[in-house]
Amino acid sequence: MAIGWLSVLKMVPWGDVIESAPKVAQGAKKLWDTVGKKPAASTSATVATATPGQPEPTLAALQAQVTQLQVSVAELHQQMLASSALIGSLAEQNTQLIARVEVNRKRVLALAVVVVVLAGVLGSKLF
């Protein structure tokens, strides 16, 4: 199972991921700023026209429908705010994760160089 993950991780273009991480974070912040500035509910409503086979809706029924729609729009707006906050948080975590992966990659590379040098020194001493 670990071999499958290793092959997947080897195929990831880490340079591109690291390069694009700040752009992802900035995009998420822009989304959060854009969504956060929008009003919670829209006051505009379209009036439904009656079809020939149905009676015309009363004013009270239309007002109740508009009220329901406004509540639904407000709920959807709150969900959108929560979702965009989550996206911003995930983008920030992704940026931190990519930075840590890059540090670990450099450390593993340095460790590999040290191991190769030590293997060379050990090989020259033994032979």
N, C-alpha and C. Protein backbone atom coordinates (compact mmCIF):
# COMPACT_ATOMS: atom_id res chain seq x y z
N MET A 1 0.83 -1.19 0.00
CA MET A 1 0.00 0.00 0.00
C MET A 1 0.87 1.26 0.00
N ALA A 2 1.97 1.23 0.74
CA ALA A 2 2.85 2.39 0.80
C ALA A 2 3.51 2.65 -0.55
N ILE A 3 3.75 1.59 -1.30
CA ILE A 3 4.38 1.75 -2.61
C ILE A 3 3.46 2.53 -3.54
N GLY A 4 2.16 2.29 -3.46
CA GLY A 4 1.20 3.05 -4.26
C GLY A 4 1.24 4.53 -3.94
N TRP A 5 1.29 4.85 -2.65
CA TRP A 5 1.36 6.25 -2.24
C TRP A 5 2.67 6.89 -2.68
N LEU A 6 3.76 6.14 -2.60
CA LEU A 6 5.04 6.68 -3.02
C LEU A 6 5.04 7.01 -4.51
N SER A 7 4.46 6.12 -5.30
CA SER A 7 4.42 6.39 -6.74
C SER A 7 3.53 7.59 -7.04
N VAL A 8 2.44 7.73 -6.29
CA VAL A 8 1.58 8.91 -6.48
C VAL A 8 2.32 10.17 -6.08
N LEU A 9 3.02 10.14 -4.96
CA LEU A 9 3.75 11.32 -4.50
C LEU A 9 4.89 11.68 -5.45
N LYS A 10 5.50 10.69 -6.08
CA LYS A 10 6.57 10.96 -7.03
C LYS A 10 6.04 11.63 -8.29
N MET A 11 4.79 11.34 -8.64
CA MET A 11 4.21 11.90 -9.85
C MET A 11 3.73 13.34 -9.66
N VAL A 12 3.59 13.78 -8.43
CA VAL A 12 3.11 15.15 -8.16
C VAL A 12 4.20 16.15 -8.54
N PRO A 13 3.86 17.14 -9.36
CA PRO A 13 4.85 18.17 -9.70
C PRO A 13 4.98 19.17 -8.54
N TRP A 14 5.83 18.82 -7.56
CA TRP A 14 5.91 19.62 -6.34
C TRP A 14 6.34 21.04 -6.61
N GLY A 15 7.17 21.24 -7.60
CA GLY A 15 7.59 22.61 -7.93
C GLY A 15 6.39 23.47 -8.32
N ASP A 16 5.51 22.91 -9.14
CA ASP A 16 4.31 23.64 -9.55
C ASP A 16 3.36 23.86 -8.38
N VAL A 17 3.24 22.84 -7.53
CA VAL A 17 2.36 22.96 -6.36
C VAL A 17 2.87 24.06 -5.44
N ILE A 18 4.16 24.06 -5.18
CA ILE A 18 4.74 25.07 -4.29
C ILE A 18 4.62 26.45 -4.92
N GLU A 19 4.81 26.52 -6.22
CA GLU A 19 4.73 27.81 -6.90
C GLU A 19 3.31 28.37 -6.89
N SER A 20 2.31 27.50 -7.00
CA SER A 20 0.93 27.99 -7.08
C SER A 20 0.24 28.12 -5.73
N ALA A 21 0.85 27.65 -4.66
CA ALA A 21 0.21 27.72 -3.34
C ALA A 21 -0.14 29.15 -2.93
N PRO A 22 0.76 30.13 -3.09
CA PRO A 22 0.37 31.50 -2.72
C PRO A 22 -0.78 32.04 -3.57
N LYS A 23 -0.83 31.63 -4.84
CA LYS A 23 -1.92 32.09 -5.70
C LYS A 23 -3.25 31.52 -5.22
N VAL A 24 -3.24 30.27 -4.78
CA VAL A 24 -4.47 29.65 -4.25
C VAL A 24 -4.92 30.39 -2.99
N ALA A 25 -3.98 30.70 -2.12
CA ALA A 25 -4.33 31.41 -0.89
C ALA A 25 -4.87 32.81 -1.19
N GLN A 26 -4.26 33.50 -2.15
CA GLN A 26 -4.73 34.83 -2.52
C GLN A 26 -6.12 34.75 -3.14
N GLY A 27 -6.36 33.73 -3.97
CA GLY A 27 -7.68 33.56 -4.58
C GLY A 27 -8.74 33.30 -3.53
N ALA A 28 -8.40 32.50 -2.53
CA ALA A 28 -9.36 32.21 -1.47
C ALA A 28 -9.64 33.48 -0.66
N LYS A 29 -8.60 34.26 -0.40
CA LYS A 29 -8.81 35.51 0.34
C LYS A 29 -9.68 36.48 -0.47
N LYS A 30 -9.46 36.54 -1.79
CA LYS A 30 -10.28 37.39 -2.64
C LYS A 30 -11.73 36.93 -2.62
N LEU A 31 -11.93 35.61 -2.67
CA LEU A 31 -13.29 35.06 -2.61
C LEU A 31 -13.95 35.43 -1.29
N TRP A 32 -13.22 35.29 -0.21
CA TRP A 32 -13.76 35.63 1.10
C TRP A 32 -14.12 37.10 1.18
N ASP A 33 -13.24 37.96 0.67
CA ASP A 33 -13.51 39.40 0.70
C ASP A 33 -14.73 39.74 -0.16
N THR A 34 -14.84 39.11 -1.32
CA THR A 34 -15.96 39.38 -2.22
C THR A 34 -17.28 38.91 -1.62
N VAL A 35 -17.29 37.71 -1.09
CA VAL A 35 -18.52 37.15 -0.53
C VAL A 35 -18.90 37.88 0.75
N GLY A 36 -17.93 38.26 1.55
CA GLY A 36 -18.20 38.93 2.81
C GLY A 36 -18.81 40.30 2.65
N LYS A 37 -18.59 40.95 1.50
CA LYS A 37 -19.09 42.30 1.28
C LYS A 37 -20.50 42.33 0.71
N LYS A 38 -21.00 41.19 0.22
CA LYS A 38 -22.33 41.16 -0.38
C LYS A 38 -23.39 41.27 0.71
N PRO A 39 -24.53 41.91 0.40
CA PRO A 39 -25.60 41.99 1.40
C PRO A 39 -26.19 40.62 1.67
N ALA A 40 -26.76 40.47 2.85
CA ALA A 40 -27.27 39.16 3.29
C ALA A 40 -28.50 38.72 2.50
N ALA A 41 -29.39 39.63 2.16
CA ALA A 41 -30.60 39.23 1.45
C ALA A 41 -30.94 40.28 0.40
N SER A 42 -31.47 39.83 -0.69
CA SER A 42 -31.89 40.73 -1.75
C SER A 42 -33.35 41.08 -1.57
N THR A 43 -33.70 42.36 -1.78
CA THR A 43 -35.09 42.78 -1.58
C THR A 43 -35.88 42.74 -2.88
N SER A 44 -35.22 42.48 -4.00
CA SER A 44 -35.94 42.44 -5.26
C SER A 44 -36.60 41.08 -5.43
N ALA A 45 -37.81 41.08 -5.95
CA ALA A 45 -38.54 39.83 -6.18
C ALA A 45 -39.30 39.94 -7.49
N THR A 46 -39.47 38.82 -8.12
CA THR A 46 -40.25 38.81 -9.35
C THR A 46 -41.66 38.37 -9.01
N VAL A 47 -42.63 38.99 -9.65
CA VAL A 47 -44.02 38.67 -9.40
C VAL A 47 -44.44 37.59 -10.38
N ALA A 48 -44.99 36.52 -9.86
CA ALA A 48 -45.44 35.41 -10.70
C ALA A 48 -46.77 35.75 -11.31
N THR A 49 -46.92 35.47 -12.59
CA THR A 49 -48.20 35.71 -13.25
C THR A 49 -49.03 34.45 -13.17
N ALA A 50 -50.32 34.62 -13.13
CA ALA A 50 -51.22 33.48 -13.03
C ALA A 50 -51.38 32.82 -14.39
N THR A 51 -51.46 31.52 -14.38
CA THR A 51 -51.72 30.79 -15.62
C THR A 51 -53.23 30.77 -15.85
N PRO A 52 -53.67 30.54 -17.09
CA PRO A 52 -55.11 30.63 -17.37
C PRO A 52 -55.97 29.68 -16.55
N GLY A 53 -55.48 28.51 -16.19
CA GLY A 53 -56.30 27.55 -15.46
C GLY A 53 -56.30 27.76 -13.96
N GLN A 54 -55.48 28.64 -13.45
CA GLN A 54 -55.36 28.82 -12.01
C GLN A 54 -55.82 30.21 -11.61
N PRO A 55 -56.35 30.33 -10.39
CA PRO A 55 -56.75 31.67 -9.93
C PRO A 55 -55.51 32.50 -9.60
N GLU A 56 -55.67 33.80 -9.64
CA GLU A 56 -54.55 34.68 -9.31
C GLU A 56 -54.23 34.58 -7.83
N PRO A 57 -52.93 34.56 -7.51
CA PRO A 57 -52.57 34.50 -6.08
C PRO A 57 -52.92 35.82 -5.39
N THR A 58 -53.25 35.71 -4.14
CA THR A 58 -53.61 36.91 -3.37
C THR A 58 -52.34 37.65 -2.98
N LEU A 59 -52.53 38.87 -2.58
CA LEU A 59 -51.40 39.70 -2.17
C LEU A 59 -50.71 39.10 -0.95
N ALA A 60 -51.48 38.57 -0.02
CA ALA A 60 -50.91 37.97 1.19
C ALA A 60 -50.09 36.73 0.83
N ALA A 61 -50.59 35.94 -0.13
CA ALA A 61 -49.85 34.74 -0.55
C ALA A 61 -48.54 35.13 -1.22
N LEU A 62 -48.58 36.17 -2.04
CA LEU A 62 -47.36 36.64 -2.70
C LEU A 62 -46.35 37.18 -1.68
N GLN A 63 -46.86 37.92 -0.68
CA GLN A 63 -45.97 38.44 0.35
C GLN A 63 -45.36 37.31 1.17
N ALA A 64 -46.14 36.29 1.46
CA ALA A 64 -45.61 35.14 2.19
C ALA A 64 -44.55 34.42 1.37
N GLN A 65 -44.80 34.31 0.07
CA GLN A 65 -43.82 33.66 -0.81
C GLN A 65 -42.53 34.48 -0.88
N VAL A 66 -42.67 35.79 -0.97
CA VAL A 66 -41.48 36.66 -1.01
C VAL A 66 -40.71 36.53 0.30
N THR A 67 -41.42 36.49 1.42
CA THR A 67 -40.77 36.34 2.72
C THR A 67 -40.02 35.03 2.80
N GLN A 68 -40.64 33.95 2.32
CA GLN A 68 -39.97 32.64 2.31
C GLN A 68 -38.71 32.69 1.44
N LEU A 69 -38.83 33.31 0.30
CA LEU A 69 -37.68 33.39 -0.61
C LEU A 69 -36.55 34.22 0.00
N GLN A 70 -36.91 35.30 0.70
CA GLN A 70 -35.89 36.11 1.34
C GLN A 70 -35.18 35.33 2.44
N VAL A 71 -35.93 34.53 3.20
CA VAL A 71 -35.33 33.70 4.24
C VAL A 71 -34.39 32.67 3.60
N SER A 72 -34.84 32.08 2.50
CA SER A 72 -34.00 31.09 1.81
C SER A 72 -32.72 31.73 1.28
N VAL A 73 -32.85 32.92 0.72
CA VAL A 73 -31.67 33.61 0.20
C VAL A 73 -30.72 33.95 1.34
N ALA A 74 -31.24 34.38 2.46
CA ALA A 74 -30.39 34.71 3.61
C ALA A 74 -29.67 33.46 4.12
N GLU A 75 -30.37 32.32 4.17
CA GLU A 75 -29.74 31.07 4.60
C GLU A 75 -28.65 30.65 3.62
N LEU A 76 -28.94 30.76 2.35
CA LEU A 76 -27.93 30.41 1.33
C LEU A 76 -26.72 31.33 1.41
N HIS A 77 -26.96 32.60 1.70
CA HIS A 77 -25.85 33.54 1.83
C HIS A 77 -24.98 33.17 3.03
N GLN A 78 -25.61 32.78 4.13
CA GLN A 78 -24.84 32.37 5.31
C GLN A 78 -24.03 31.11 5.00
N GLN A 79 -24.63 30.18 4.27
CA GLN A 79 -23.90 28.98 3.88
C GLN A 79 -22.72 29.32 2.96
N MET A 80 -22.95 30.27 2.06
CA MET A 80 -21.88 30.69 1.17
C MET A 80 -20.75 31.36 1.96
N LEU A 81 -21.10 32.16 2.95
CA LEU A 81 -20.07 32.78 3.80
C LEU A 81 -19.27 31.72 4.55
N ALA A 82 -19.96 30.75 5.10
CA ALA A 82 -19.28 29.68 5.83
C ALA A 82 -18.39 28.87 4.89
N SER A 83 -18.88 28.59 3.70
CA SER A 83 -18.09 27.83 2.73
C SER A 83 -16.86 28.60 2.29
N SER A 84 -17.01 29.87 2.03
CA SER A 84 -15.85 30.65 1.59
C SER A 84 -14.85 30.82 2.73
N ALA A 85 -15.33 30.89 3.97
CA ALA A 85 -14.40 30.94 5.11
C ALA A 85 -13.63 29.63 5.21
N LEU A 86 -14.32 28.52 4.99
CA LEU A 86 -13.67 27.23 5.01
C LEU A 86 -12.64 27.12 3.88
N ILE A 87 -12.98 27.60 2.70
CA ILE A 87 -12.05 27.56 1.58
C ILE A 87 -10.82 28.40 1.90
N GLY A 88 -11.02 29.56 2.49
CA GLY A 88 -9.88 30.39 2.88
C GLY A 88 -8.99 29.70 3.90
N SER A 89 -9.62 29.07 4.86
CA SER A 89 -8.86 28.35 5.88
C SER A 89 -8.09 27.19 5.26
N LEU A 90 -8.73 26.45 4.38
CA LEU A 90 -8.05 25.33 3.72
C LEU A 90 -6.91 25.81 2.82
N ALA A 91 -7.10 26.93 2.17
CA ALA A 91 -6.03 27.47 1.32
C ALA A 91 -4.83 27.88 2.17
N GLU A 92 -5.10 28.48 3.33
CA GLU A 92 -4.01 28.87 4.22
C GLU A 92 -3.28 27.64 4.75
N GLN A 93 -4.04 26.62 5.13
CA GLN A 93 -3.42 25.38 5.60
C GLN A 93 -2.62 24.72 4.49
N ASN A 94 -3.13 24.79 3.26
CA ASN A 94 -2.42 24.23 2.12
C ASN A 94 -1.09 24.94 1.91
N THR A 95 -1.10 26.26 2.05
CA THR A 95 0.14 27.02 1.90
C THR A 95 1.15 26.61 2.96
N GLN A 96 0.70 26.47 4.20
CA GLN A 96 1.61 26.05 5.27
C GLN A 96 2.12 24.63 5.04
N LEU A 97 1.24 23.75 4.58
CA LEU A 97 1.64 22.37 4.31
C LEU A 97 2.67 22.31 3.20
N ILE A 98 2.47 23.06 2.16
CA ILE A 98 3.42 23.07 1.04
C ILE A 98 4.77 23.61 1.50
N ALA A 99 4.76 24.63 2.34
CA ALA A 99 6.03 25.16 2.86
C ALA A 99 6.75 24.10 3.68
N ARG A 100 6.01 23.37 4.49
CA ARG A 100 6.64 22.32 5.31
C ARG A 100 7.15 21.18 4.44
N VAL A 101 6.40 20.82 3.42
CA VAL A 101 6.85 19.77 2.50
C VAL A 101 8.13 20.19 1.80
N GLU A 102 8.22 21.44 1.42
CA GLU A 102 9.43 21.93 0.76
C GLU A 102 10.63 21.87 1.70
N VAL A 103 10.43 22.25 2.95
CA VAL A 103 11.52 22.17 3.94
C VAL A 103 11.95 20.72 4.12
N ASN A 104 10.98 19.83 4.24
CA ASN A 104 11.30 18.40 4.40
C ASN A 104 12.01 17.85 3.17
N ARG A 105 11.61 18.29 1.99
CA ARG A 105 12.26 17.83 0.76
C ARG A 105 13.73 18.25 0.75
N LYS A 106 14.00 19.48 1.16
CA LYS A 106 15.39 19.96 1.20
C LYS A 106 16.19 19.20 2.25
N ARG A 107 15.56 18.90 3.38
CA ARG A 107 16.26 18.14 4.42
C ARG A 107 16.59 16.72 3.96
N VAL A 108 15.64 16.09 3.28
CA VAL A 108 15.88 14.73 2.77
C VAL A 108 16.98 14.75 1.72
N LEU A 109 17.00 15.75 0.88
CA LEU A 109 18.06 15.87 -0.12
C LEU A 109 19.41 16.05 0.56
N ALA A 110 19.49 16.91 1.57
CA ALA A 110 20.74 17.10 2.30
C ALA A 110 21.15 15.82 3.01
N LEU A 111 20.21 15.10 3.58
CA LEU A 111 20.52 13.84 4.24
C LEU A 111 21.02 12.81 3.24
N ALA A 112 20.44 12.78 2.05
CA ALA A 112 20.90 11.86 1.01
C ALA A 112 22.34 12.17 0.61
N VAL A 113 22.66 13.44 0.51
CA VAL A 113 24.04 13.83 0.16
C VAL A 113 24.99 13.38 1.26
N VAL A 114 24.60 13.58 2.52
CA VAL A 114 25.45 13.17 3.64
C VAL A 114 25.63 11.65 3.63
N VAL A 115 24.59 10.89 3.36
CA VAL A 115 24.69 9.44 3.31
C VAL A 115 25.62 9.01 2.18
N VAL A 116 25.51 9.62 1.04
CA VAL A 116 26.39 9.27 -0.09
C VAL A 116 27.84 9.58 0.25
N VAL A 117 28.08 10.73 0.86
CA VAL A 117 29.46 11.09 1.24
C VAL A 117 29.99 10.10 2.27
N LEU A 118 29.19 9.78 3.28
CA LEU A 118 29.62 8.82 4.30
C LEU A 118 29.84 7.44 3.69
N ALA A 119 29.02 7.03 2.76
CA ALA A 119 29.21 5.75 2.09
C ALA A 119 30.51 5.75 1.28
N GLY A 120 30.81 6.87 0.66
CA GLY A 120 32.07 7.00 -0.10
C GLY A 120 33.27 6.92 0.83
N VAL A 121 33.20 7.62 1.95
CA VAL A 121 34.31 7.59 2.91
C VAL A 121 34.47 6.18 3.46
N LEU A 122 33.37 5.54 3.84
CA LEU A 122 33.43 4.17 4.36
C LEU A 122 33.96 3.20 3.32
N GLY A 123 33.54 3.38 2.07
CA GLY A 123 34.01 2.51 1.00
C GLY A 123 35.49 2.68 0.76
N SER A 124 36.00 3.89 0.85
CA SER A 124 37.43 4.13 0.63
C SER A 124 38.26 3.58 1.79
N LYS A 125 37.72 3.59 2.99
CA LYS A 125 38.44 3.07 4.15
C LYS A 125 38.53 1.53 4.11
N LEU A 126 37.43 0.91 3.65
CA LEU A 126 37.38 -0.54 3.63
C LEU A 126 38.16 -1.14 2.46
N PHE A 127 38.21 -0.48 1.35
CA PHE A 127 38.87 -1.04 0.18
C PHE A 127 40.12 -0.33 -0.08
